[in-house]
């Protein structure tokens, strides 16, 4: 087989701030190959999109419009991201369009696109407006480098969620939908693991310009194929 498939699609509610519920969606494709099929991750993403849609349209960005290279911060459609950690160069840190294989960061589309890496550091996403949903694909994560992988945010109280860690690299999708809104979220992965994230999705703030129809989750049709469609097809960038 081209890849090892381990894990299942998970969706569970986490106690959150008063009168709020955080629902987590996670799917693991342990050891999946670059450019391969990510069955569990895509299924989790589809469930995430369906749960998030009642709050607002979802926008997915795959970093394709950003220049290759390392920067402490990047501008995204209706958001920004600041990263920390040592710059280990192309294929490890910052925006990359190359990979050393499925034990490292890579693009989750056809394997030839761009992705964001920040080994031994964290990434903080700040949104132009409040959002109820946030999701992303992680690539190349290996448990041999540690089992700590966290997502933290504040929706009136501090929230800290643990992200599943693959044993053999490959792909994982992790998303959350919160009944209370938040405006900033941080992804942390301490240690020396060389990994990346791609296809970050978040609720599109109503106060921002309306995205092109291709950016709306429902426009892609049937939720059963939605995760795969959003992964392999980058969202249309917003006009300035």
C-alpha atoms as a PDB file:
ATOM      1  CA  UNK A   1       0.000   0.000   0.000  1.00  0.00           C
ATOM      2  CA  UNK A   2       1.121   3.579  -0.608  1.00  0.00           C
ATOM      3  CA  UNK A   3       0.415   4.632   2.947  1.00  0.00           C
ATOM      4  CA  UNK A   4      -0.365   3.358   6.409  1.00  0.00           C
ATOM      5  CA  UNK A   5      -3.829   4.297   7.626  1.00  0.00           C
ATOM      6  CA  UNK A   6      -4.178   4.466  11.391  1.00  0.00           C
ATOM      7  CA  UNK A   7      -6.731   6.375  13.429  1.00  0.00           C
ATOM      8  CA  UNK A   8     -10.385   7.301  13.233  1.00  0.00           C
ATOM      9  CA  UNK A   9     -12.542  10.365  12.804  1.00  0.00           C
ATOM     10  CA  UNK A  10     -13.327  11.854  16.186  1.00  0.00           C
ATOM     11  CA  UNK A  11     -15.814  14.525  17.229  1.00  0.00           C
ATOM     12  CA  UNK A  12     -16.352  15.328  20.876  1.00  0.00           C
ATOM     13  CA  UNK A  13     -17.511  18.212  23.041  1.00  0.00           C
ATOM     14  CA  UNK A  14     -15.140  19.804  25.531  1.00  0.00           C
ATOM     15  CA  UNK A  15     -16.369  21.766  28.581  1.00  0.00           C
ATOM     16  CA  UNK A  16     -15.577  25.421  27.955  1.00  0.00           C
ATOM     17  CA  UNK A  17     -16.486  28.835  29.311  1.00  0.00           C
ATOM     18  CA  UNK A  18     -19.847  29.359  30.996  1.00  0.00           C
ATOM     19  CA  UNK A  19     -22.692  28.785  28.546  1.00  0.00           C
ATOM     20  CA  UNK A  20     -20.238  27.676  25.847  1.00  0.00           C
ATOM     21  CA  UNK A  21     -19.349  24.374  24.250  1.00  0.00           C
ATOM     22  CA  UNK A  22     -16.256  23.559  22.206  1.00  0.00           C
ATOM     23  CA  UNK A  23     -16.697  20.669  19.768  1.00  0.00           C
ATOM     24  CA  UNK A  24     -13.468  19.128  18.469  1.00  0.00           C
ATOM     25  CA  UNK A  25     -13.043  17.292  15.144  1.00  0.00           C
ATOM     26  CA  UNK A  26      -9.956  15.170  14.552  1.00  0.00           C
ATOM     27  CA  UNK A  27      -8.850  12.587  12.009  1.00  0.00           C
ATOM     28  CA  UNK A  28      -5.463  10.879  11.702  1.00  0.00           C
ATOM     29  CA  UNK A  29      -3.793   9.284   8.679  1.00  0.00           C
ATOM     30  CA  UNK A  30      -0.635   8.018  10.340  1.00  0.00           C
ATOM     31  CA  UNK A  31       2.230   7.555   7.885  1.00  0.00           C
ATOM     32  CA  UNK A  32       0.230   8.789   4.872  1.00  0.00           C
ATOM     33  CA  UNK A  33       2.383   9.605   1.855  1.00  0.00           C
ATOM     34  CA  UNK A  34       2.905  13.043   0.336  1.00  0.00           C
ATOM     35  CA  UNK A  35       0.163  13.607  -2.231  1.00  0.00           C
ATOM     36  CA  UNK A  36      -1.685  10.562  -0.957  1.00  0.00           C
ATOM     37  CA  UNK A  37      -5.238   9.901   0.167  1.00  0.00           C
ATOM     38  CA  UNK A  38      -6.077  11.214   3.641  1.00  0.00           C
ATOM     39  CA  UNK A  39      -9.363   9.459   4.337  1.00  0.00           C
ATOM     40  CA  UNK A  40      -9.732  10.090   8.072  1.00  0.00           C
ATOM     41  CA  UNK A  41      -8.410  13.644   7.975  1.00  0.00           C
ATOM     42  CA  UNK A  42     -10.689  14.631   5.092  1.00  0.00           C
ATOM     43  CA  UNK A  43     -13.721  13.082   6.795  1.00  0.00           C
ATOM     44  CA  UNK A  44     -12.988  15.033   9.988  1.00  0.00           C
ATOM     45  CA  UNK A  45     -12.588  18.209   7.948  1.00  0.00           C
ATOM     46  CA  UNK A  46     -15.964  17.648   6.251  1.00  0.00           C
ATOM     47  CA  UNK A  47     -17.665  17.225   9.629  1.00  0.00           C
ATOM     48  CA  UNK A  48     -15.923  20.358  10.896  1.00  0.00           C
ATOM     49  CA  UNK A  49     -17.109  22.412   7.896  1.00  0.00           C
ATOM     50  CA  UNK A  50     -20.686  21.219   8.391  1.00  0.00           C
ATOM     51  CA  UNK A  51     -20.684  22.094  12.100  1.00  0.00           C
ATOM     52  CA  UNK A  52     -19.101  25.523  11.547  1.00  0.00           C
ATOM     53  CA  UNK A  53     -21.316  26.669   8.686  1.00  0.00           C
ATOM     54  CA  UNK A  54     -24.311  27.822  10.815  1.00  0.00           C
ATOM     55  CA  UNK A  55     -22.066  30.469  12.405  1.00  0.00           C
ATOM     56  CA  UNK A  56     -20.494  31.932   9.251  1.00  0.00           C
ATOM     57  CA  UNK A  57     -18.971  30.945   5.913  1.00  0.00           C
ATOM     58  CA  UNK A  58     -15.554  29.284   6.179  1.00  0.00           C
ATOM     59  CA  UNK A  59     -12.460  30.600   4.465  1.00  0.00           C
ATOM     60  CA  UNK A  60      -9.576  28.188   3.763  1.00  0.00           C
ATOM     61  CA  UNK A  61      -6.076  29.465   3.018  1.00  0.00           C
ATOM     62  CA  UNK A  62      -3.237  27.267   1.803  1.00  0.00           C
ATOM     63  CA  UNK A  63      -0.479  29.947   1.917  1.00  0.00           C
ATOM     64  CA  UNK A  64      -0.234  29.836  -1.890  1.00  0.00           C
ATOM     65  CA  UNK A  65      -0.165  33.625  -2.307  1.00  0.00           C
ATOM     66  CA  UNK A  66       2.676  34.134   0.182  1.00  0.00           C
ATOM     67  CA  UNK A  67       6.339  34.287  -0.877  1.00  0.00           C
ATOM     68  CA  UNK A  68       8.603  31.377  -0.009  1.00  0.00           C
ATOM     69  CA  UNK A  69      10.881  32.137   2.933  1.00  0.00           C
ATOM     70  CA  UNK A  70      10.937  32.856   6.640  1.00  0.00           C
ATOM     71  CA  UNK A  71       9.218  35.831   8.256  1.00  0.00           C
ATOM     72  CA  UNK A  72       8.085  36.500  11.819  1.00  0.00           C
ATOM     73  CA  UNK A  73       4.613  37.363  10.526  1.00  0.00           C
ATOM     74  CA  UNK A  74       2.435  36.888   7.459  1.00  0.00           C
ATOM     75  CA  UNK A  75      -0.764  38.528   6.222  1.00  0.00           C
ATOM     76  CA  UNK A  76      -3.651  36.213   5.367  1.00  0.00           C
ATOM     77  CA  UNK A  77      -7.149  36.920   4.063  1.00  0.00           C
ATOM     78  CA  UNK A  78      -9.010  38.504   7.009  1.00  0.00           C
ATOM     79  CA  UNK A  79      -6.266  37.355   9.411  1.00  0.00           C
ATOM     80  CA  UNK A  80      -2.558  37.397  10.228  1.00  0.00           C
ATOM     81  CA  UNK A  81      -0.181  34.806  11.662  1.00  0.00           C
ATOM     82  CA  UNK A  82       2.960  35.353  13.735  1.00  0.00           C
ATOM     83  CA  UNK A  83       5.445  32.514  14.228  1.00  0.00           C
ATOM     84  CA  UNK A  84       8.285  31.952  16.673  1.00  0.00           C
ATOM     85  CA  UNK A  85      11.167  29.512  16.804  1.00  0.00           C
ATOM     86  CA  UNK A  86      14.498  29.121  15.075  1.00  0.00           C
ATOM     87  CA  UNK A  87      14.685  29.561  11.314  1.00  0.00           C
ATOM     88  CA  UNK A  88      16.029  26.218  10.049  1.00  0.00           C
ATOM     89  CA  UNK A  89      15.705  27.201   6.408  1.00  0.00           C
ATOM     90  CA  UNK A  90      13.733  25.978   3.405  1.00  0.00           C
ATOM     91  CA  UNK A  91      11.750  22.808   3.939  1.00  0.00           C
ATOM     92  CA  UNK A  92      11.602  23.387   7.690  1.00  0.00           C
ATOM     93  CA  UNK A  93      10.688  26.957   8.691  1.00  0.00           C
ATOM     94  CA  UNK A  94       8.421  29.624   7.246  1.00  0.00           C
ATOM     95  CA  UNK A  95       6.671  29.266   3.894  1.00  0.00           C
ATOM     96  CA  UNK A  96       8.033  26.317   1.888  1.00  0.00           C
ATOM     97  CA  UNK A  97       7.169  24.733  -1.446  1.00  0.00           C
ATOM     98  CA  UNK A  98       9.430  21.725  -0.993  1.00  0.00           C
ATOM     99  CA  UNK A  99       9.525  18.754   1.360  1.00  0.00           C
ATOM    100  CA  UNK A 100      11.866  16.005   2.508  1.00  0.00           C
ATOM    101  CA  UNK A 101       9.032  13.456   2.752  1.00  0.00           C
ATOM    102  CA  UNK A 102       6.070  12.512   4.904  1.00  0.00           C
ATOM    103  CA  UNK A 103       8.120  12.710   8.118  1.00  0.00           C
ATOM    104  CA  UNK A 104       8.476  16.444   7.509  1.00  0.00           C
ATOM    105  CA  UNK A 105       6.105  19.259   6.626  1.00  0.00           C
ATOM    106  CA  UNK A 106       4.455  19.143   3.191  1.00  0.00           C
ATOM    107  CA  UNK A 107       1.598  20.526   1.111  1.00  0.00           C
ATOM    108  CA  UNK A 108      -1.625  18.541   1.559  1.00  0.00           C
ATOM    109  CA  UNK A 109      -2.929  19.240  -1.948  1.00  0.00           C
ATOM    110  CA  UNK A 110      -0.854  17.473  -4.575  1.00  0.00           C
ATOM    111  CA  UNK A 111       2.359  17.753  -2.568  1.00  0.00           C
ATOM    112  CA  UNK A 112       3.792  20.528  -4.739  1.00  0.00           C
ATOM    113  CA  UNK A 113       2.164  23.585  -3.172  1.00  0.00           C
ATOM    114  CA  UNK A 114       3.114  25.740  -0.200  1.00  0.00           C
ATOM    115  CA  UNK A 115       2.868  25.090   3.531  1.00  0.00           C
ATOM    116  CA  UNK A 116       3.939  26.735   6.806  1.00  0.00           C
ATOM    117  CA  UNK A 117       6.539  25.309   9.191  1.00  0.00           C
ATOM    118  CA  UNK A 118       7.610  26.496  12.643  1.00  0.00           C
ATOM    119  CA  UNK A 119       9.529  23.689  14.432  1.00  0.00           C
ATOM    120  CA  UNK A 120      10.340  24.326  18.101  1.00  0.00           C
ATOM    121  CA  UNK A 121       7.979  27.277  18.128  1.00  0.00           C
ATOM    122  CA  UNK A 122       4.360  28.326  17.861  1.00  0.00           C
ATOM    123  CA  UNK A 123       2.012  30.151  15.500  1.00  0.00           C
ATOM    124  CA  UNK A 124      -0.557  32.710  16.640  1.00  0.00           C
ATOM    125  CA  UNK A 125      -3.445  33.473  14.284  1.00  0.00           C
ATOM    126  CA  UNK A 126      -5.222  36.791  14.826  1.00  0.00           C
ATOM    127  CA  UNK A 127      -8.500  37.273  12.971  1.00  0.00           C
ATOM    128  CA  UNK A 128      -9.905  40.484  11.502  1.00  0.00           C
ATOM    129  CA  UNK A 129     -13.103  39.787  13.416  1.00  0.00           C
ATOM    130  CA  UNK A 130     -14.322  37.205  15.885  1.00  0.00           C
ATOM    131  CA  UNK A 131     -14.839  33.633  14.720  1.00  0.00           C
ATOM    132  CA  UNK A 132     -16.460  30.478  16.081  1.00  0.00           C
ATOM    133  CA  UNK A 133     -14.366  27.974  14.120  1.00  0.00           C
ATOM    134  CA  UNK A 134     -10.750  27.125  13.367  1.00  0.00           C
ATOM    135  CA  UNK A 135      -9.218  24.067  11.697  1.00  0.00           C
ATOM    136  CA  UNK A 136      -5.974  22.966  10.052  1.00  0.00           C
ATOM    137  CA  UNK A 137      -4.079  20.011   8.590  1.00  0.00           C
ATOM    138  CA  UNK A 138      -0.785  19.099  10.284  1.00  0.00           C
ATOM    139  CA  UNK A 139       1.900  17.162   8.423  1.00  0.00           C
ATOM    140  CA  UNK A 140       4.969  15.190   9.455  1.00  0.00           C
ATOM    141  CA  UNK A 141       4.229  15.099  13.197  1.00  0.00           C
ATOM    142  CA  UNK A 142       6.010  12.217  14.970  1.00  0.00           C
ATOM    143  CA  UNK A 143       5.486  11.085  18.556  1.00  0.00           C
ATOM    144  CA  UNK A 144       9.188  10.226  18.916  1.00  0.00           C
ATOM    145  CA  UNK A 145       9.760  13.976  19.258  1.00  0.00           C
ATOM    146  CA  UNK A 146       7.171  14.339  22.025  1.00  0.00           C
ATOM    147  CA  UNK A 147       3.451  14.060  22.574  1.00  0.00           C
ATOM    148  CA  UNK A 148       2.812  17.724  23.394  1.00  0.00           C
ATOM    149  CA  UNK A 149       0.774  19.489  20.715  1.00  0.00           C
ATOM    150  CA  UNK A 150      -1.577  22.210  21.886  1.00  0.00           C
ATOM    151  CA  UNK A 151      -4.138  24.704  20.642  1.00  0.00           C
ATOM    152  CA  UNK A 152      -4.970  27.571  23.006  1.00  0.00           C
ATOM    153  CA  UNK A 153      -7.473  30.433  22.783  1.00  0.00           C
ATOM    154  CA  UNK A 154      -9.780  32.577  24.905  1.00  0.00           C
ATOM    155  CA  UNK A 155     -13.546  32.757  24.468  1.00  0.00           C
ATOM    156  CA  UNK A 156     -14.208  34.463  27.793  1.00  0.00           C
ATOM    157  CA  UNK A 157     -12.116  31.894  29.634  1.00  0.00           C
ATOM    158  CA  UNK A 158      -8.795  30.330  28.706  1.00  0.00           C
ATOM    159  CA  UNK A 159      -9.078  27.156  26.629  1.00  0.00           C
ATOM    160  CA  UNK A 160      -6.302  24.615  26.046  1.00  0.00           C
ATOM    161  CA  UNK A 161      -6.870  21.630  23.726  1.00  0.00           C
ATOM    162  CA  UNK A 162      -4.499  18.725  23.095  1.00  0.00           C
ATOM    163  CA  UNK A 163      -4.024  17.744  19.462  1.00  0.00           C
ATOM    164  CA  UNK A 164      -3.441  14.047  18.611  1.00  0.00           C
ATOM    165  CA  UNK A 165       0.129  13.215  17.598  1.00  0.00           C
ATOM    166  CA  UNK A 166       0.898  10.739  14.801  1.00  0.00           C
ATOM    167  CA  UNK A 167       3.579   8.119  15.389  1.00  0.00           C
ATOM    168  CA  UNK A 168       4.902   7.968  11.823  1.00  0.00           C
ATOM    169  CA  UNK A 169       4.371  11.344  10.244  1.00  0.00           C
ATOM    170  CA  UNK A 170       1.685  11.653   7.603  1.00  0.00           C
ATOM    171  CA  UNK A 171      -1.364  13.864   8.067  1.00  0.00           C
ATOM    172  CA  UNK A 172      -3.804  14.890  10.781  1.00  0.00           C
ATOM    173  CA  UNK A 173      -6.775  17.260  10.665  1.00  0.00           C
ATOM    174  CA  UNK A 174      -7.769  19.116  13.812  1.00  0.00           C
ATOM    175  CA  UNK A 175     -10.645  21.571  14.058  1.00  0.00           C
ATOM    176  CA  UNK A 176     -12.834  23.157  16.708  1.00  0.00           C
ATOM    177  CA  UNK A 177     -16.205  24.874  16.724  1.00  0.00           C
ATOM    178  CA  UNK A 178     -17.012  27.052  19.732  1.00  0.00           C
ATOM    179  CA  UNK A 179     -20.468  28.340  20.623  1.00  0.00           C
ATOM    180  CA  UNK A 180     -18.705  31.463  21.928  1.00  0.00           C
ATOM    181  CA  UNK A 181     -16.580  33.587  19.602  1.00  0.00           C
ATOM    182  CA  UNK A 182     -12.824  34.150  19.837  1.00  0.00           C
ATOM    183  CA  UNK A 183     -10.411  36.367  17.907  1.00  0.00           C
ATOM    184  CA  UNK A 184      -6.987  34.761  18.396  1.00  0.00           C
ATOM    185  CA  UNK A 185      -5.632  31.222  18.567  1.00  0.00           C
ATOM    186  CA  UNK A 186      -2.154  29.747  19.117  1.00  0.00           C
ATOM    187  CA  UNK A 187      -0.745  26.413  17.924  1.00  0.00           C
ATOM    188  CA  UNK A 188       2.241  25.106  19.908  1.00  0.00           C
ATOM    189  CA  UNK A 189       4.500  22.132  19.241  1.00  0.00           C
ATOM    190  CA  UNK A 190       7.565  22.175  21.561  1.00  0.00           C
ATOM    191  CA  UNK A 191      10.625  20.102  20.696  1.00  0.00           C
ATOM    192  CA  UNK A 192      12.666  19.422  17.585  1.00  0.00           C
ATOM    193  CA  UNK A 193      10.026  17.880  15.343  1.00  0.00           C
ATOM    194  CA  UNK A 194      10.175  19.137  11.733  1.00  0.00           C
ATOM    195  CA  UNK A 195       6.527  19.470  10.756  1.00  0.00           C
ATOM    196  CA  UNK A 196       4.092  21.833   9.087  1.00  0.00           C
ATOM    197  CA  UNK A 197       0.512  23.000   8.749  1.00  0.00           C
ATOM    198  CA  UNK A 198      -1.584  23.637   5.658  1.00  0.00           C
ATOM    199  CA  UNK A 199      -5.126  24.544   4.575  1.00  0.00           C
ATOM    200  CA  UNK A 200      -6.038  26.598   7.628  1.00  0.00           C
ATOM    201  CA  UNK A 201      -9.786  27.279   7.879  1.00  0.00           C
ATOM    202  CA  UNK A 202     -11.600  29.851   9.978  1.00  0.00           C
ATOM    203  CA  UNK A 203     -14.942  31.582  10.132  1.00  0.00           C
ATOM    204  CA  UNK A 204     -15.193  34.539   7.821  1.00  0.00           C
ATOM    205  CA  UNK A 205     -16.031  37.694   9.841  1.00  0.00           C
ATOM    206  CA  UNK A 206     -19.217  39.372   8.688  1.00  0.00           C
ATOM    207  CA  UNK A 207     -17.598  42.831   8.807  1.00  0.00           C
ATOM    208  CA  UNK A 208     -15.015  41.900   6.170  1.00  0.00           C
ATOM    209  CA  UNK A 209     -15.462  41.956   2.374  1.00  0.00           C
ATOM    210  CA  UNK A 210     -17.520  39.065   1.047  1.00  0.00           C
ATOM    211  CA  UNK A 211     -15.338  36.221  -0.282  1.00  0.00           C
ATOM    212  CA  UNK A 212     -15.675  34.776  -3.738  1.00  0.00           C
ATOM    213  CA  UNK A 213     -18.290  31.983  -3.916  1.00  0.00           C
ATOM    214  CA  UNK A 214     -15.493  29.390  -4.265  1.00  0.00           C
ATOM    215  CA  UNK A 215     -14.450  30.203  -0.701  1.00  0.00           C
ATOM    216  CA  UNK A 216     -17.829  29.240   0.762  1.00  0.00           C
ATOM    217  CA  UNK A 217     -17.880  25.722   2.139  1.00  0.00           C
ATOM    218  CA  UNK A 218     -21.384  24.893   0.917  1.00  0.00           C
ATOM    219  CA  UNK A 219     -20.591  25.882  -2.652  1.00  0.00           C
ATOM    220  CA  UNK A 220     -18.349  22.859  -2.939  1.00  0.00           C
ATOM    221  CA  UNK A 221     -21.317  20.515  -2.627  1.00  0.00           C
ATOM    222  CA  UNK A 222     -21.911  17.323  -0.610  1.00  0.00           C
ATOM    223  CA  UNK A 223     -20.325  17.272   2.833  1.00  0.00           C
ATOM    224  CA  UNK A 224     -19.108  13.724   2.244  1.00  0.00           C
ATOM    225  CA  UNK A 225     -16.488  15.037  -0.226  1.00  0.00           C
ATOM    226  CA  UNK A 226     -16.042  18.471   1.321  1.00  0.00           C
ATOM    227  CA  UNK A 227     -12.828  17.766   3.225  1.00  0.00           C
ATOM    228  CA  UNK A 228     -11.072  16.420   0.136  1.00  0.00           C
ATOM    229  CA  UNK A 229     -12.344  19.259  -2.043  1.00  0.00           C
ATOM    230  CA  UNK A 230     -11.153  21.973   0.354  1.00  0.00           C
ATOM    231  CA  UNK A 231      -7.790  20.260   0.796  1.00  0.00           C
ATOM    232  CA  UNK A 232      -7.020  19.851  -2.882  1.00  0.00           C
ATOM    233  CA  UNK A 233      -8.478  23.151  -4.073  1.00  0.00           C
ATOM    234  CA  UNK A 234      -7.170  26.350  -2.485  1.00  0.00           C
ATOM    235  CA  UNK A 235      -9.709  29.054  -1.660  1.00  0.00           C
ATOM    236  CA  UNK A 236      -9.928  32.133  -3.861  1.00  0.00           C
ATOM    237  CA  UNK A 237      -7.865  34.956  -2.256  1.00  0.00           C
ATOM    238  CA  UNK A 238      -9.812  37.969  -1.028  1.00  0.00           C
ATOM    239  CA  UNK A 239      -9.568  41.284  -2.786  1.00  0.00           C
ATOM    240  CA  UNK A 240      -7.748  43.947  -0.818  1.00  0.00           C
END
